[in-house]
Every structure is written in structure tokens, then in C-alpha cells.
Amino acid sequence: MKDAGFIFGSYIVTLGAILIFAVSTLRSAQKSSQSVTDKDKTWL
């Protein structure tokens, strides 16, 4: 149990990095989708 702090800290850092990456990807996608015309938005 003496390494529990390191293990939990590693999980927190990893999940935080994944969350930051996901948010930045979604923001980038939102910005780039605004430059596409409605005709070319085949995913809608």
C-alpha cells in the first residue's frame, strides 16, 4: 500500500491527459466544421 499514491496519481494524470486531448479534438472539429458548406456535410 505504500505505492498507492503513485498508482492513483498516475491514473489521475493519465485520465486528465485523455480528457484534455478529447476536449481539444472536439473543439478543433467544431471550428473546422464551420468552414464546410451544408451541401458537403454528409454526416448530418
PDB file of N, CA and C in Angstrom:
ATOM      1  N   MET A   1       0.813  -1.210   0.000  1.00  0.00           N
ATOM      2  CA  MET A   1       0.000   0.000   0.000  1.00  0.00           C
ATOM      3  C   MET A   1       0.845   1.259   0.000  1.00  0.00           C
ATOM      4  N   LYS A   2       2.146   1.125   0.113  1.00  0.00           N
ATOM      5  CA  LYS A   2       2.963   2.337   0.135  1.00  0.00           C
ATOM      6  C   LYS A   2       3.072   2.989  -1.244  1.00  0.00           C
ATOM      7  N   ASP A   3       2.757   2.232  -2.293  1.00  0.00           N
ATOM      8  CA  ASP A   3       2.805   2.790  -3.648  1.00  0.00           C
ATOM      9  C   ASP A   3       1.441   3.248  -4.143  1.00  0.00           C
ATOM     10  N   ALA A   4       0.430   3.219  -3.301  1.00  0.00           N
ATOM     11  CA  ALA A   4      -0.927   3.568  -3.726  1.00  0.00           C
ATOM     12  C   ALA A   4      -1.000   5.013  -4.215  1.00  0.00           C
ATOM     13  N   GLY A   5      -0.306   5.918  -3.590  1.00  0.00           N
ATOM     14  CA  GLY A   5      -0.324   7.315  -4.019  1.00  0.00           C
ATOM     15  C   GLY A   5       0.220   7.485  -5.422  1.00  0.00           C
ATOM     16  N   PHE A   6       1.299   6.771  -5.712  1.00  0.00           N
ATOM     17  CA  PHE A   6       1.876   6.830  -7.056  1.00  0.00           C
ATOM     18  C   PHE A   6       0.919   6.249  -8.087  1.00  0.00           C
ATOM     19  N   ILE A   7       0.286   5.150  -7.752  1.00  0.00           N
ATOM     20  CA  ILE A   7      -0.633   4.499  -8.689  1.00  0.00           C
ATOM     21  C   ILE A   7      -1.843   5.381  -8.956  1.00  0.00           C
ATOM     22  N   PHE A   8      -2.460   5.898  -7.899  1.00  0.00           N
ATOM     23  CA  PHE A   8      -3.621   6.772  -8.085  1.00  0.00           C
ATOM     24  C   PHE A   8      -3.232   8.057  -8.805  1.00  0.00           C
ATOM     25  N   GLY A   9      -2.079   8.582  -8.485  1.00  0.00           N
ATOM     26  CA  GLY A   9      -1.599   9.777  -9.176  1.00  0.00           C
ATOM     27  C   GLY A   9      -1.396   9.530 -10.656  1.00  0.00           C
ATOM     28  N   SER A  10      -0.867   8.378 -10.989  1.00  0.00           N
ATOM     29  CA  SER A  10      -0.667   8.029 -12.401  1.00  0.00           C
ATOM     30  C   SER A  10      -1.995   7.918 -13.127  1.00  0.00           C
ATOM     31  N   TYR A  11      -2.984   7.314 -12.465  1.00  0.00           N
ATOM     32  CA  TYR A  11      -4.319   7.226 -13.084  1.00  0.00           C
ATOM     33  C   TYR A  11      -4.901   8.623 -13.300  1.00  0.00           C
ATOM     34  N   ILE A  12      -4.754   9.487 -12.339  1.00  0.00           N
ATOM     35  CA  ILE A  12      -5.306  10.841 -12.455  1.00  0.00           C
ATOM     36  C   ILE A  12      -4.631  11.597 -13.592  1.00  0.00           C
ATOM     37  N   VAL A  13      -3.320  11.493 -13.691  1.00  0.00           N
ATOM     38  CA  VAL A  13      -2.592  12.179 -14.765  1.00  0.00           C
ATOM     39  C   VAL A  13      -2.991  11.617 -16.124  1.00  0.00           C
ATOM     40  N   THR A  14      -3.102  10.304 -16.226  1.00  0.00           N
ATOM     41  CA  THR A  14      -3.473   9.673 -17.493  1.00  0.00           C
ATOM     42  C   THR A  14      -4.880  10.067 -17.915  1.00  0.00           C
ATOM     43  N   LEU A  15      -5.837   9.974 -17.012  1.00  0.00           N
ATOM     44  CA  LEU A  15      -7.215  10.339 -17.346  1.00  0.00           C
ATOM     45  C   LEU A  15      -7.336  11.823 -17.661  1.00  0.00           C
ATOM     46  N   GLY A  16      -6.576  12.650 -16.961  1.00  0.00           N
ATOM     47  CA  GLY A  16      -6.576  14.081 -17.255  1.00  0.00           C
ATOM     48  C   GLY A  16      -6.045  14.376 -18.648  1.00  0.00           C
ATOM     49  N   ALA A  17      -4.973  13.683 -19.035  1.00  0.00           N
ATOM     50  CA  ALA A  17      -4.414  13.876 -20.375  1.00  0.00           C
ATOM     51  C   ALA A  17      -5.399  13.432 -21.446  1.00  0.00           C
ATOM     52  N   ILE A  18      -6.077  12.318 -21.224  1.00  0.00           N
ATOM     53  CA  ILE A  18      -7.074  11.841 -22.185  1.00  0.00           C
ATOM     54  C   ILE A  18      -8.225  12.837 -22.291  1.00  0.00           C
ATOM     55  N   LEU A  19      -8.658  13.372 -21.178  1.00  0.00           N
ATOM     56  CA  LEU A  19      -9.748  14.352 -21.184  1.00  0.00           C
ATOM     57  C   LEU A  19      -9.345  15.615 -21.930  1.00  0.00           C
ATOM     58  N   ILE A  20      -8.149  16.114 -21.682  1.00  0.00           N
ATOM     59  CA  ILE A  20      -7.670  17.313 -22.377  1.00  0.00           C
ATOM     60  C   ILE A  20      -7.571  17.065 -23.877  1.00  0.00           C
ATOM     61  N   PHE A  21      -7.079  15.896 -24.259  1.00  0.00           N
ATOM     62  CA  PHE A  21      -6.973  15.552 -25.681  1.00  0.00           C
ATOM     63  C   PHE A  21      -8.349  15.481 -26.335  1.00  0.00           C
ATOM     64  N   ALA A  22      -9.313  14.875 -25.660  1.00  0.00           N
ATOM     65  CA  ALA A  22     -10.667  14.757 -26.210  1.00  0.00           C
ATOM     66  C   ALA A  22     -11.316  16.122 -26.385  1.00  0.00           C
ATOM     67  N   VAL A  23     -11.166  16.981 -25.390  1.00  0.00           N
ATOM     68  CA  VAL A  23     -11.764  18.318 -25.473  1.00  0.00           C
ATOM     69  C   VAL A  23     -11.124  19.123 -26.594  1.00  0.00           C
ATOM     70  N   SER A  24      -9.806  19.052 -26.712  1.00  0.00           N
ATOM     71  CA  SER A  24      -9.140  19.820 -27.772  1.00  0.00           C
ATOM     72  C   SER A  24      -9.511  19.282 -29.155  1.00  0.00           C
ATOM     73  N   THR A  25      -9.686  17.973 -29.280  1.00  0.00           N
ATOM     74  CA  THR A  25     -10.092  17.395 -30.560  1.00  0.00           C
ATOM     75  C   THR A  25     -11.502  17.832 -30.936  1.00  0.00           C
ATOM     76  N   LEU A  26     -12.414  17.821 -29.969  1.00  0.00           N
ATOM     77  CA  LEU A  26     -13.785  18.237 -30.252  1.00  0.00           C
ATOM     78  C   LEU A  26     -13.853  19.722 -30.601  1.00  0.00           C
ATOM     79  N   ARG A  27     -13.088  20.547 -29.920  1.00  0.00           N
ATOM     80  CA  ARG A  27     -13.077  21.982 -30.253  1.00  0.00           C
ATOM     81  C   ARG A  27     -12.516  22.218 -31.645  1.00  0.00           C
ATOM     82  N   SER A  28     -11.470  21.492 -31.986  1.00  0.00           N
ATOM     83  CA  SER A  28     -10.884  21.627 -33.321  1.00  0.00           C
ATOM     84  C   SER A  28     -11.872  21.176 -34.392  1.00  0.00           C
ATOM     85  N   ALA A  29     -12.575  20.097 -34.145  1.00  0.00           N
ATOM     86  CA  ALA A  29     -13.565  19.602 -35.099  1.00  0.00           C
ATOM     87  C   ALA A  29     -14.710  20.594 -35.260  1.00  0.00           C
ATOM     88  N   GLN A  30     -15.113  21.213 -34.165  1.00  0.00           N
ATOM     89  CA  GLN A  30     -16.197  22.187 -34.238  1.00  0.00           C
ATOM     90  C   GLN A  30     -15.777  23.398 -35.063  1.00  0.00           C
ATOM     91  N   LYS A  31     -14.542  23.854 -34.876  1.00  0.00           N
ATOM     92  CA  LYS A  31     -14.059  25.004 -35.641  1.00  0.00           C
ATOM     93  C   LYS A  31     -13.949  24.669 -37.124  1.00  0.00           C
ATOM     94  N   SER A  32     -13.426  23.490 -37.430  1.00  0.00           N
ATOM     95  CA  SER A  32     -13.243  23.144 -38.839  1.00  0.00           C
ATOM     96  C   SER A  32     -14.564  22.817 -39.530  1.00  0.00           C
ATOM     97  N   SER A  33     -15.569  22.366 -38.798  1.00  0.00           N
ATOM     98  CA  SER A  33     -16.853  22.055 -39.419  1.00  0.00           C
ATOM     99  C   SER A  33     -17.607  23.315 -39.811  1.00  0.00           C
ATOM    100  N   GLN A  34     -17.268  24.445 -39.230  1.00  0.00           N
ATOM    101  CA  GLN A  34     -17.939  25.688 -39.584  1.00  0.00           C
ATOM    102  C   GLN A  34     -17.536  26.174 -40.973  1.00  0.00           C
ATOM    103  N   SER A  35     -16.388  25.729 -41.468  1.00  0.00           N
ATOM    104  CA  SER A  35     -15.943  26.172 -42.781  1.00  0.00           C
ATOM    105  C   SER A  35     -16.467  25.284 -43.917  1.00  0.00           C
ATOM    106  N   VAL A  36     -17.186  24.234 -43.580  1.00  0.00           N
ATOM    107  CA  VAL A  36     -17.732  23.325 -44.593  1.00  0.00           C
ATOM    108  C   VAL A  36     -19.153  23.763 -44.919  1.00  0.00           C
ATOM    109  N   THR A  37     -19.486  23.752 -46.194  1.00  0.00           N
ATOM    110  CA  THR A  37     -20.843  24.139 -46.590  1.00  0.00           C
ATOM    111  C   THR A  37     -21.833  23.041 -46.195  1.00  0.00           C
ATOM    112  N   ASP A  38     -23.093  23.411 -46.089  1.00  0.00           N
ATOM    113  CA  ASP A  38     -24.132  22.456 -45.697  1.00  0.00           C
ATOM    114  C   ASP A  38     -24.255  21.313 -46.699  1.00  0.00           C
ATOM    115  N   LYS A  39     -23.996  21.597 -47.956  1.00  0.00           N
ATOM    116  CA  LYS A  39     -24.085  20.582 -49.003  1.00  0.00           C
ATOM    117  C   LYS A  39     -23.054  19.470 -48.781  1.00  0.00           C
ATOM    118  N   ASP A  40     -21.921  19.842 -48.258  1.00  0.00           N
ATOM    119  CA  ASP A  40     -20.830  18.877 -48.079  1.00  0.00           C
ATOM    120  C   ASP A  40     -20.845  18.189 -46.720  1.00  0.00           C
ATOM    121  N   LYS A  41     -21.787  18.514 -45.873  1.00  0.00           N
ATOM    122  CA  LYS A  41     -21.890  17.876 -44.564  1.00  0.00           C
ATOM    123  C   LYS A  41     -22.695  16.584 -44.703  1.00  0.00           C
ATOM    124  N   THR A  42     -22.039  15.534 -45.177  1.00  0.00           N
ATOM    125  CA  THR A  42     -22.723  14.271 -45.424  1.00  0.00           C
ATOM    126  C   THR A  42     -23.005  13.514 -44.140  1.00  0.00           C
ATOM    127  N   TRP A  43     -22.412  13.909 -43.041  1.00  0.00           N
ATOM    128  CA  TRP A  43     -22.622  13.208 -41.781  1.00  0.00           C
ATOM    129  C   TRP A  43     -23.884  13.653 -41.077  1.00  0.00           C
ATOM    130  N   LEU A  44     -24.583  14.641 -41.610  1.00  0.00           N
ATOM    131  CA  LEU A  44     -25.831  15.109 -40.975  1.00  0.00           C
ATOM    132  C   LEU A  44     -27.020  14.387 -41.531  1.00  0.00           C
TER     133      LEU A  44
END
